[in-house]
Amino acid sequence: MSVRDVVPQRREDPDSEVVAAMDLLGQRWVLRIVWELEPGSLGFLELRRRMGNCSSSVLATRLAQLVEKGIARKLPDKQYELTPRGEALGRALWPVWDWAAG
């Protein structure tokens, strides 16, 4: 039995949910935002400070995309936090972060 026998066939549909997720997550700063929000909510300025050389306009755009996709939400006090869907994404990324830590 080969890996191809147990791994589902990839869909060629460019509009599939998996392709859309990879396109979103592959954008610069998206995973870093998830990483920074994973422990808890942050305001825009604190998040911007933690992001180093990410511009305010790019951060605002990425946050808007994450809110639109239901991964993050903006609270009434203008803080951002992960939604349950975003928290699940954060948990799914822990093996990557463990791998990167060595």
PDB file of N, CA and C in Angstrom:
ATOM      1  N   MET A   1       0.851  -1.174   0.000  1.00  0.00           N
ATOM      2  CA  MET A   1       0.000   0.000   0.000  1.00  0.00           C
ATOM      3  C   MET A   1       0.897   1.238   0.000  1.00  0.00           C
ATOM      4  N   SER A   2       0.580   2.174  -0.859  1.00  0.00           N
ATOM      5  CA  SER A   2       1.364   3.399  -0.943  1.00  0.00           C
ATOM      6  C   SER A   2       0.638   4.536  -0.230  1.00  0.00           C
ATOM      7  N   VAL A   3       1.328   5.638  -0.072  1.00  0.00           N
ATOM      8  CA  VAL A   3       0.730   6.826   0.527  1.00  0.00           C
ATOM      9  C   VAL A   3      -0.477   7.269  -0.291  1.00  0.00           C
ATOM     10  N   ARG A   4      -0.389   7.152  -1.596  1.00  0.00           N
ATOM     11  CA  ARG A   4      -1.505   7.560  -2.454  1.00  0.00           C
ATOM     12  C   ARG A   4      -2.768   6.747  -2.184  1.00  0.00           C
ATOM     13  N   ASP A   5      -2.613   5.533  -1.648  1.00  0.00           N
ATOM     14  CA  ASP A   5      -3.777   4.706  -1.351  1.00  0.00           C
ATOM     15  C   ASP A   5      -4.528   5.196  -0.116  1.00  0.00           C
ATOM     16  N   VAL A   6      -3.850   5.877   0.803  1.00  0.00           N
ATOM     17  CA  VAL A   6      -4.500   6.305   2.043  1.00  0.00           C
ATOM     18  C   VAL A   6      -4.782   7.805   2.093  1.00  0.00           C
ATOM     19  N   VAL A   7      -4.113   8.575   1.265  1.00  0.00           N
ATOM     20  CA  VAL A   7      -4.346  10.015   1.224  1.00  0.00           C
ATOM     21  C   VAL A   7      -5.432  10.293   0.199  1.00  0.00           C
ATOM     22  N   PRO A   8      -6.463  11.064   0.596  1.00  0.00           N
ATOM     23  CA  PRO A   8      -7.518  11.359  -0.383  1.00  0.00           C
ATOM     24  C   PRO A   8      -6.957  12.083  -1.593  1.00  0.00           C
ATOM     25  N   GLN A   9      -7.570  11.844  -2.726  1.00  0.00           N
ATOM     26  CA  GLN A   9      -7.151  12.524  -3.942  1.00  0.00           C
ATOM     27  C   GLN A   9      -7.395  14.018  -3.792  1.00  0.00           C
ATOM     28  N   ARG A  10      -6.461  14.801  -4.272  1.00  0.00           N
ATOM     29  CA  ARG A  10      -6.621  16.247  -4.231  1.00  0.00           C
ATOM     30  C   ARG A  10      -7.662  16.658  -5.261  1.00  0.00           C
ATOM     31  N   ARG A  11      -8.441  17.626  -4.877  1.00  0.00           N
ATOM     32  CA  ARG A  11      -9.428  18.167  -5.800  1.00  0.00           C
ATOM     33  C   ARG A  11      -8.747  19.173  -6.700  1.00  0.00           C
ATOM     34  N   GLU A  12      -9.078  19.116  -7.934  1.00  0.00           N
ATOM     35  CA  GLU A  12      -8.516  20.063  -8.900  1.00  0.00           C
ATOM     36  C   GLU A  12      -9.301  21.365  -8.935  1.00  0.00           C
ATOM     37  N   ASP A  13     -10.439  21.399  -8.246  1.00  0.00           N
ATOM     38  CA  ASP A  13     -11.307  22.569  -8.236  1.00  0.00           C
ATOM     39  C   ASP A  13     -10.605  23.724  -7.524  1.00  0.00           C
ATOM     40  N   PRO A  14     -10.270  24.799  -8.241  1.00  0.00           N
ATOM     41  CA  PRO A  14      -9.577  25.914  -7.615  1.00  0.00           C
ATOM     42  C   PRO A  14     -10.448  26.663  -6.618  1.00  0.00           C
ATOM     43  N   ASP A  15     -11.745  26.390  -6.589  1.00  0.00           N
ATOM     44  CA  ASP A  15     -12.648  27.043  -5.655  1.00  0.00           C
ATOM     45  C   ASP A  15     -12.949  26.182  -4.433  1.00  0.00           C
ATOM     46  N   SER A  16     -12.218  25.085  -4.251  1.00  0.00           N
ATOM     47  CA  SER A  16     -12.488  24.207  -3.115  1.00  0.00           C
ATOM     48  C   SER A  16     -12.116  24.892  -1.803  1.00  0.00           C
ATOM     49  N   GLU A  17     -12.722  24.430  -0.725  1.00  0.00           N
ATOM     50  CA  GLU A  17     -12.464  25.000   0.598  1.00  0.00           C
ATOM     51  C   GLU A  17     -11.009  24.839   1.006  1.00  0.00           C
ATOM     52  N   VAL A  18     -10.409  23.709   0.669  1.00  0.00           N
ATOM     53  CA  VAL A  18      -9.014  23.470   1.041  1.00  0.00           C
ATOM     54  C   VAL A  18      -8.093  24.448   0.318  1.00  0.00           C
ATOM     55  N   VAL A  19      -8.338  24.657  -0.960  1.00  0.00           N
ATOM     56  CA  VAL A  19      -7.523  25.602  -1.728  1.00  0.00           C
ATOM     57  C   VAL A  19      -7.709  27.009  -1.168  1.00  0.00           C
ATOM     58  N   ALA A  20      -8.939  27.378  -0.842  1.00  0.00           N
ATOM     59  CA  ALA A  20      -9.201  28.701  -0.270  1.00  0.00           C
ATOM     60  C   ALA A  20      -8.484  28.864   1.064  1.00  0.00           C
ATOM     61  N   ALA A  21      -8.497  27.826   1.891  1.00  0.00           N
ATOM     62  CA  ALA A  21      -7.803  27.888   3.185  1.00  0.00           C
ATOM     63  C   ALA A  21      -6.300  28.029   2.982  1.00  0.00           C
ATOM     64  N   MET A  22      -5.739  27.262   2.048  1.00  0.00           N
ATOM     65  CA  MET A  22      -4.297  27.360   1.798  1.00  0.00           C
ATOM     66  C   MET A  22      -3.931  28.736   1.257  1.00  0.00           C
ATOM     67  N   ASP A  23      -4.784  29.288   0.396  1.00  0.00           N
ATOM     68  CA  ASP A  23      -4.523  30.626  -0.133  1.00  0.00           C
ATOM     69  C   ASP A  23      -4.523  31.663   0.986  1.00  0.00           C
ATOM     70  N   LEU A  24      -5.482  31.576   1.900  1.00  0.00           N
ATOM     71  CA  LEU A  24      -5.534  32.515   3.018  1.00  0.00           C
ATOM     72  C   LEU A  24      -4.337  32.326   3.944  1.00  0.00           C
ATOM     73  N   LEU A  25      -4.091  31.095   4.347  1.00  0.00           N
ATOM     74  CA  LEU A  25      -3.016  30.828   5.306  1.00  0.00           C
ATOM     75  C   LEU A  25      -1.636  31.054   4.715  1.00  0.00           C
ATOM     76  N   GLY A  26      -1.532  31.012   3.407  1.00  0.00           N
ATOM     77  CA  GLY A  26      -0.253  31.235   2.755  1.00  0.00           C
ATOM     78  C   GLY A  26       0.124  32.697   2.611  1.00  0.00           C
ATOM     79  N   GLN A  27      -0.801  33.601   2.917  1.00  0.00           N
ATOM     80  CA  GLN A  27      -0.484  35.015   2.825  1.00  0.00           C
ATOM     81  C   GLN A  27       0.432  35.422   3.980  1.00  0.00           C
ATOM     82  N   ARG A  28       1.347  36.302   3.669  1.00  0.00           N
ATOM     83  CA  ARG A  28       2.293  36.748   4.685  1.00  0.00           C
ATOM     84  C   ARG A  28       1.541  37.355   5.862  1.00  0.00           C
ATOM     85  N   TRP A  29       1.961  37.022   7.044  1.00  0.00           N
ATOM     86  CA  TRP A  29       1.503  37.530   8.336  1.00  0.00           C
ATOM     87  C   TRP A  29       0.282  36.818   8.889  1.00  0.00           C
ATOM     88  N   VAL A  30      -0.474  36.066   8.111  1.00  0.00           N
ATOM     89  CA  VAL A  30      -1.694  35.451   8.613  1.00  0.00           C
ATOM     90  C   VAL A  30      -1.399  34.482   9.749  1.00  0.00           C
ATOM     91  N   LEU A  31      -0.484  33.564   9.548  1.00  0.00           N
ATOM     92  CA  LEU A  31      -0.176  32.594  10.605  1.00  0.00           C
ATOM     93  C   LEU A  31       0.460  33.271  11.811  1.00  0.00           C
ATOM     94  N   ARG A  32       1.220  34.312  11.583  1.00  0.00           N
ATOM     95  CA  ARG A  32       1.812  35.047  12.703  1.00  0.00           C
ATOM     96  C   ARG A  32       0.724  35.713  13.546  1.00  0.00           C
ATOM     97  N   ILE A  33      -0.300  36.247  12.909  1.00  0.00           N
ATOM     98  CA  ILE A  33      -1.413  36.841  13.653  1.00  0.00           C
ATOM     99  C   ILE A  33      -2.109  35.773  14.498  1.00  0.00           C
ATOM    100  N   VAL A  34      -2.353  34.612  13.911  1.00  0.00           N
ATOM    101  CA  VAL A  34      -2.962  33.513  14.664  1.00  0.00           C
ATOM    102  C   VAL A  34      -2.076  33.157  15.854  1.00  0.00           C
ATOM    103  N   TRP A  35      -0.777  33.083  15.642  1.00  0.00           N
ATOM    104  CA  TRP A  35       0.177  32.782  16.712  1.00  0.00           C
ATOM    105  C   TRP A  35       0.080  33.810  17.841  1.00  0.00           C
ATOM    106  N   GLU A  36       0.036  35.087  17.499  1.00  0.00           N
ATOM    107  CA  GLU A  36      -0.002  36.149  18.504  1.00  0.00           C
ATOM    108  C   GLU A  36      -1.336  36.185  19.247  1.00  0.00           C
ATOM    109  N   LEU A  37      -2.426  35.837  18.567  1.00  0.00           N
ATOM    110  CA  LEU A  37      -3.737  35.858  19.214  1.00  0.00           C
ATOM    111  C   LEU A  37      -4.064  34.569  19.950  1.00  0.00           C
ATOM    112  N   GLU A  38      -3.292  33.534  19.715  1.00  0.00           N
ATOM    113  CA  GLU A  38      -3.600  32.223  20.302  1.00  0.00           C
ATOM    114  C   GLU A  38      -3.678  32.269  21.832  1.00  0.00           C
ATOM    115  N   PRO A  39      -2.784  32.973  22.539  1.00  0.00           N
ATOM    116  CA  PRO A  39      -2.900  32.994  24.004  1.00  0.00           C
ATOM    117  C   PRO A  39      -4.067  33.840  24.525  1.00  0.00           C
ATOM    118  N   GLY A  40      -4.544  34.804  23.748  1.00  0.00           N
ATOM    119  CA  GLY A  40      -5.648  35.649  24.198  1.00  0.00           C
ATOM    120  C   GLY A  40      -5.779  36.893  23.339  1.00  0.00           C
ATOM    121  N   SER A  41      -6.751  37.712  23.675  1.00  0.00           N
ATOM    122  CA  SER A  41      -7.064  38.885  22.856  1.00  0.00           C
ATOM    123  C   SER A  41      -5.991  39.963  22.971  1.00  0.00           C
ATOM    124  N   LEU A  42      -5.874  40.741  21.904  1.00  0.00           N
ATOM    125  CA  LEU A  42      -4.931  41.861  21.839  1.00  0.00           C
ATOM    126  C   LEU A  42      -5.579  43.008  21.079  1.00  0.00           C
ATOM    127  N   GLY A  43      -5.232  44.218  21.465  1.00  0.00           N
ATOM    128  CA  GLY A  43      -5.636  45.380  20.705  1.00  0.00           C
ATOM    129  C   GLY A  43      -4.756  45.539  19.476  1.00  0.00           C
ATOM    130  N   PHE A  44      -5.220  46.350  18.532  1.00  0.00           N
ATOM    131  CA  PHE A  44      -4.491  46.542  17.283  1.00  0.00           C
ATOM    132  C   PHE A  44      -3.071  47.042  17.536  1.00  0.00           C
ATOM    133  N   LEU A  45      -2.914  48.045  18.399  1.00  0.00           N
ATOM    134  CA  LEU A  45      -1.581  48.624  18.611  1.00  0.00           C
ATOM    135  C   LEU A  45      -0.618  47.627  19.247  1.00  0.00           C
ATOM    136  N   GLU A  46      -1.102  46.842  20.199  1.00  0.00           N
ATOM    137  CA  GLU A  46      -0.240  45.824  20.812  1.00  0.00           C
ATOM    138  C   GLU A  46       0.113  44.745  19.795  1.00  0.00           C
ATOM    139  N   LEU A  47      -0.860  44.349  19.019  1.00  0.00           N
ATOM    140  CA  LEU A  47      -0.597  43.357  17.975  1.00  0.00           C
ATOM    141  C   LEU A  47       0.410  43.903  16.970  1.00  0.00           C
ATOM    142  N   ARG A  48       0.243  45.136  16.583  1.00  0.00           N
ATOM    143  CA  ARG A  48       1.175  45.790  15.646  1.00  0.00           C
ATOM    144  C   ARG A  48       2.586  45.826  16.222  1.00  0.00           C
ATOM    145  N   ARG A  49       2.700  46.130  17.510  1.00  0.00           N
ATOM    146  CA  ARG A  49       4.016  46.170  18.171  1.00  0.00           C
ATOM    147  C   ARG A  49       4.670  44.787  18.135  1.00  0.00           C
ATOM    148  N   ARG A  50       3.891  43.756  18.392  1.00  0.00           N
ATOM    149  CA  ARG A  50       4.428  42.397  18.414  1.00  0.00           C
ATOM    150  C   ARG A  50       4.804  41.893  17.026  1.00  0.00           C
ATOM    151  N   MET A  51       4.184  42.460  16.003  1.00  0.00           N
ATOM    152  CA  MET A  51       4.401  41.981  14.641  1.00  0.00           C
ATOM    153  C   MET A  51       5.661  42.548  14.005  1.00  0.00           C
ATOM    154  N   GLY A  52       6.348  43.452  14.674  1.00  0.00           N
ATOM    155  CA  GLY A  52       7.611  43.953  14.155  1.00  0.00           C
ATOM    156  C   GLY A  52       7.444  44.771  12.896  1.00  0.00           C
ATOM    157  N   ASN A  53       7.913  44.252  11.780  1.00  0.00           N
ATOM    158  CA  ASN A  53       7.941  45.044  10.549  1.00  0.00           C
ATOM    159  C   ASN A  53       6.706  44.861   9.657  1.00  0.00           C
ATOM    160  N   CYS A  54       5.606  44.412  10.212  1.00  0.00           N
ATOM    161  CA  CYS A  54       4.342  44.351   9.470  1.00  0.00           C
ATOM    162  C   CYS A  54       3.714  45.737   9.513  1.00  0.00           C
ATOM    163  N   SER A  55       3.399  46.289   8.357  1.00  0.00           N
ATOM    164  CA  SER A  55       2.819  47.634   8.328  1.00  0.00           C
ATOM    165  C   SER A  55       1.399  47.619   8.895  1.00  0.00           C
ATOM    166  N   SER A  56       0.969  48.763   9.359  1.00  0.00           N
ATOM    167  CA  SER A  56      -0.384  48.894   9.899  1.00  0.00           C
ATOM    168  C   SER A  56      -1.437  48.558   8.854  1.00  0.00           C
ATOM    169  N   SER A  57      -1.213  48.984   7.621  1.00  0.00           N
ATOM    170  CA  SER A  57      -2.215  48.730   6.578  1.00  0.00           C
ATOM    171  C   SER A  57      -2.312  47.237   6.247  1.00  0.00           C
ATOM    172  N   VAL A  58      -1.181  46.554   6.202  1.00  0.00           N
ATOM    173  CA  VAL A  58      -1.214  45.108   5.934  1.00  0.00           C
ATOM    174  C   VAL A  58      -1.855  44.384   7.113  1.00  0.00           C
ATOM    175  N   LEU A  59      -1.509  44.779   8.334  1.00  0.00           N
ATOM    176  CA  LEU A  59      -2.106  44.147   9.510  1.00  0.00           C
ATOM    177  C   LEU A  59      -3.622  44.343   9.496  1.00  0.00           C
ATOM    178  N   ALA A  60      -4.081  45.545   9.199  1.00  0.00           N
ATOM    179  CA  ALA A  60      -5.520  45.812   9.145  1.00  0.00           C
ATOM    180  C   ALA A  60      -6.192  44.951   8.078  1.00  0.00           C
ATOM    181  N   THR A  61      -5.556  44.812   6.928  1.00  0.00           N
ATOM    182  CA  THR A  61      -6.104  43.984   5.852  1.00  0.00           C
ATOM    183  C   THR A  61      -6.188  42.528   6.274  1.00  0.00           C
ATOM    184  N   ARG A  62      -5.107  42.008   6.856  1.00  0.00           N
ATOM    185  CA  ARG A  62      -5.096  40.601   7.278  1.00  0.00           C
ATOM    186  C   ARG A  62      -6.124  40.348   8.379  1.00  0.00           C
ATOM    187  N   LEU A  63      -6.234  41.268   9.325  1.00  0.00           N
ATOM    188  CA  LEU A  63      -7.235  41.101  10.383  1.00  0.00           C
ATOM    189  C   LEU A  63      -8.639  41.094   9.793  1.00  0.00           C
ATOM    190  N   ALA A  64      -8.904  41.977   8.844  1.00  0.00           N
ATOM    191  CA  ALA A  64     -10.219  42.010   8.192  1.00  0.00           C
ATOM    192  C   ALA A  64     -10.504  40.691   7.481  1.00  0.00           C
ATOM    193  N   GLN A  65      -9.491  40.110   6.841  1.00  0.00           N
ATOM    194  CA  GLN A  65      -9.669  38.820   6.169  1.00  0.00           C
ATOM    195  C   GLN A  65      -9.971  37.724   7.182  1.00  0.00           C
ATOM    196  N   LEU A  66      -9.258  37.717   8.302  1.00  0.00           N
ATOM    197  CA  LEU A  66      -9.479  36.702   9.326  1.00  0.00           C
ATOM    198  C   LEU A  66     -10.855  36.855   9.963  1.00  0.00           C
ATOM    199  N   VAL A  67     -11.300  38.083  10.148  1.00  0.00           N
ATOM    200  CA  VAL A  67     -12.650  38.319  10.670  1.00  0.00           C
ATOM    201  C   VAL A  67     -13.687  37.845   9.655  1.00  0.00           C
ATOM    202  N   GLU A  68     -13.493  38.192   8.392  1.00  0.00           N
ATOM    203  CA  GLU A  68     -14.428  37.786   7.336  1.00  0.00           C
ATOM    204  C   GLU A  68     -14.561  36.269   7.249  1.00  0.00           C
ATOM    205  N   LYS A  69     -13.459  35.554   7.448  1.00  0.00           N
ATOM    206  CA  LYS A  69     -13.470  34.090   7.342  1.00  0.00           C
ATOM    207  C   LYS A  69     -13.865  33.402   8.645  1.00  0.00           C
ATOM    208  N   GLY A  70     -14.170  34.195   9.682  1.00  0.00           N
ATOM    209  CA  GLY A  70     -14.617  33.598  10.941  1.00  0.00           C
ATOM    210  C   GLY A  70     -13.495  33.014  11.783  1.00  0.00           C
ATOM    211  N   ILE A  71     -12.270  33.425  11.532  1.00  0.00           N
ATOM    212  CA  ILE A  71     -11.121  32.919  12.285  1.00  0.00           C
ATOM    213  C   ILE A  71     -10.832  33.816  13.489  1.00  0.00           C
ATOM    214  N   ALA A  72     -11.110  35.103  13.340  1.00  0.00           N
ATOM    215  CA  ALA A  72     -10.927  36.056  14.430  1.00  0.00           C
ATOM    216  C   ALA A  72     -12.170  36.935  14.501  1.00  0.00           C
ATOM    217  N   ARG A  73     -12.293  37.648  15.609  1.00  0.00           N
ATOM    218  CA  ARG A  73     -13.383  38.613  15.739  1.00  0.00           C
ATOM    219  C   ARG A  73     -12.866  39.848  16.453  1.00  0.00           C
ATOM    220  N   LYS A  74     -13.516  40.958  16.163  1.00  0.00           N
ATOM    221  CA  LYS A  74     -13.192  42.224  16.816  1.00  0.00           C
ATOM    222  C   LYS A  74     -14.211  42.433  17.923  1.00  0.00           C
ATOM    223  N   LEU A  75     -13.723  42.603  19.127  1.00  0.00           N
ATOM    224  CA  LEU A  75     -14.583  42.774  20.287  1.00  0.00           C
ATOM    225  C   LEU A  75     -15.029  44.232  20.417  1.00  0.00           C
ATOM    226  N   PRO A  76     -16.070  44.483  21.203  1.00  0.00           N
ATOM    227  CA  PRO A  76     -16.531  45.865  21.382  1.00  0.00           C
ATOM    228  C   PRO A  76     -15.446  46.811  21.921  1.00  0.00           C
ATOM    229  N   ASP A  77     -14.509  46.277  22.697  1.00  0.00           N
ATOM    230  CA  ASP A  77     -13.423  47.121  23.220  1.00  0.00           C
ATOM    231  C   ASP A  77     -12.274  47.261  22.214  1.00  0.00           C
ATOM    232  N   LYS A  78     -12.525  46.866  20.967  1.00  0.00           N
ATOM    233  CA  LYS A  78     -11.590  46.970  19.843  1.00  0.00           C
ATOM    234  C   LYS A  78     -10.387  46.031  19.945  1.00  0.00           C
ATOM    235  N   GLN A  79     -10.494  45.032  20.797  1.00  0.00           N
ATOM    236  CA  GLN A  79      -9.477  43.986  20.850  1.00  0.00           C
ATOM    237  C   GLN A  79      -9.858  42.919  19.824  1.00  0.00           C
ATOM    238  N   TYR A  80      -8.874  42.156  19.412  1.00  0.00           N
ATOM    239  CA  TYR A  80      -9.101  41.035  18.500  1.00  0.00           C
ATOM    240  C   TYR A  80      -8.839  39.751  19.257  1.00  0.00           C
ATOM    241  N   GLU A  81      -9.649  38.743  18.958  1.00  0.00           N
ATOM    242  CA  GLU A  81      -9.443  37.424  19.543  1.00  0.00           C
ATOM    243  C   GLU A  81      -9.800  36.368  18.514  1.00  0.00           C
ATOM    244  N   LEU A  82      -9.298  35.172  18.732  1.00  0.00           N
ATOM    245  CA  LEU A  82      -9.643  34.060  17.862  1.00  0.00           C
ATOM    246  C   LEU A  82     -11.041  33.563  18.198  1.00  0.00           C
ATOM    247  N   THR A  83     -11.762  33.167  17.191  1.00  0.00           N
ATOM    248  CA  THR A  83     -13.052  32.503  17.365  1.00  0.00           C
ATOM    249  C   THR A  83     -12.772  31.033  17.678  1.00  0.00           C
ATOM    250  N   PRO A  84     -13.788  30.256  18.011  1.00  0.00           N
ATOM    251  CA  PRO A  84     -13.545  28.819  18.169  1.00  0.00           C
ATOM    252  C   PRO A  84     -12.889  28.198  16.929  1.00  0.00           C
ATOM    253  N   ARG A  85     -13.280  28.662  15.754  1.00  0.00           N
ATOM    254  CA  ARG A  85     -12.649  28.160  14.516  1.00  0.00           C
ATOM    255  C   ARG A  85     -11.167  28.548  14.476  1.00  0.00           C
ATOM    256  N   GLY A  86     -10.856  29.773  14.887  1.00  0.00           N
ATOM    257  CA  GLY A  86      -9.467  30.220  14.940  1.00  0.00           C
ATOM    258  C   GLY A  86      -8.664  29.477  15.995  1.00  0.00           C
ATOM    259  N   GLU A  87      -9.305  29.192  17.126  1.00  0.00           N
ATOM    260  CA  GLU A  87      -8.628  28.415  18.164  1.00  0.00           C
ATOM    261  C   GLU A  87      -8.297  27.013  17.657  1.00  0.00           C
ATOM    262  N   ALA A  88      -9.224  26.433  16.890  1.00  0.00           N
ATOM    263  CA  ALA A  88      -8.965  25.105  16.301  1.00  0.00           C
ATOM    264  C   ALA A  88      -7.790  25.180  15.326  1.00  0.00           C
ATOM    265  N   LEU A  89      -7.714  26.261  14.564  1.00  0.00           N
ATOM    266  CA  LEU A  89      -6.575  26.448  13.662  1.00  0.00           C
ATOM    267  C   LEU A  89      -5.285  26.561  14.466  1.00  0.00           C
ATOM    268  N   GLY A  90      -5.307  27.335  15.531  1.00  0.00           N
ATOM    269  CA  GLY A  90      -4.119  27.462  16.378  1.00  0.00           C
ATOM    270  C   GLY A  90      -3.664  26.115  16.912  1.00  0.00           C
ATOM    271  N   ARG A  91      -4.612  25.306  17.371  1.00  0.00           N
ATOM    272  CA  ARG A  91      -4.261  23.963  17.866  1.00  0.00           C
ATOM    273  C   ARG A  91      -3.700  23.089  16.747  1.00  0.00           C
ATOM    274  N   ALA A  92      -4.258  23.229  15.554  1.00  0.00           N
ATOM    275  CA  ALA A  92      -3.782  22.433  14.413  1.00  0.00           C
ATOM    276  C   ALA A  92      -2.355  22.811  14.025  1.00  0.00           C
ATOM    277  N   LEU A  93      -1.953  24.024  14.337  1.00  0.00           N
ATOM    278  CA  LEU A  93      -0.609  24.485  13.975  1.00  0.00           C
ATOM    279  C   LEU A  93       0.448  24.152  15.018  1.00  0.00           C
ATOM    280  N   TRP A  94       0.050  23.708  16.194  1.00  0.00           N
ATOM    281  CA  TRP A  94       1.058  23.401  17.216  1.00  0.00           C
ATOM    282  C   TRP A  94       2.116  22.414  16.746  1.00  0.00           C
ATOM    283  N   PRO A  95       1.771  21.356  16.021  1.00  0.00           N
ATOM    284  CA  PRO A  95       2.845  20.473  15.537  1.00  0.00           C
ATOM    285  C   PRO A  95       3.866  21.193  14.670  1.00  0.00           C
ATOM    286  N   VAL A  96       3.427  22.163  13.883  1.00  0.00           N
ATOM    287  CA  VAL A  96       4.368  22.940  13.070  1.00  0.00           C
ATOM    288  C   VAL A  96       5.290  23.757  13.970  1.00  0.00           C
ATOM    289  N   TRP A  97       4.691  24.399  14.976  1.00  0.00           N
ATOM    290  CA  TRP A  97       5.496  25.209  15.886  1.00  0.00           C
ATOM    291  C   TRP A  97       6.449  24.320  16.694  1.00  0.00           C
ATOM    292  N   ASP A  98       5.976  23.126  17.105  1.00  0.00           N
ATOM    293  CA  ASP A  98       6.884  22.198  17.786  1.00  0.00           C
ATOM    294  C   ASP A  98       8.026  21.783  16.873  1.00  0.00           C
ATOM    295  N   TRP A  99       7.719  21.506  15.613  1.00  0.00           N
ATOM    296  CA  TRP A  99       8.741  21.129  14.637  1.00  0.00           C
ATOM    297  C   TRP A  99       9.757  22.250  14.480  1.00  0.00           C
ATOM    298  N   ALA A 100       9.269  23.495  14.368  1.00  0.00           N
ATOM    299  CA  ALA A 100      10.167  24.633  14.161  1.00  0.00           C
ATOM    300  C   ALA A 100      11.060  24.859  15.375  1.00  0.00           C
ATOM    301  N   ALA A 101      10.563  24.547  16.559  1.00  0.00           N
ATOM    302  CA  ALA A 101      11.351  24.745  17.788  1.00  0.00           C
ATOM    303  C   ALA A 101      12.449  23.692  17.916  1.00  0.00           C
ATOM    304  N   GLY A 102      12.315  22.656  17.132  1.00  0.00           N
ATOM    305  CA  GLY A 102      13.398  21.749  17.039  1.00  0.00           C
ATOM    306  C   GLY A 102      13.502  20.484  17.642  1.00  0.00           C
TER     307      GLY A 102
END
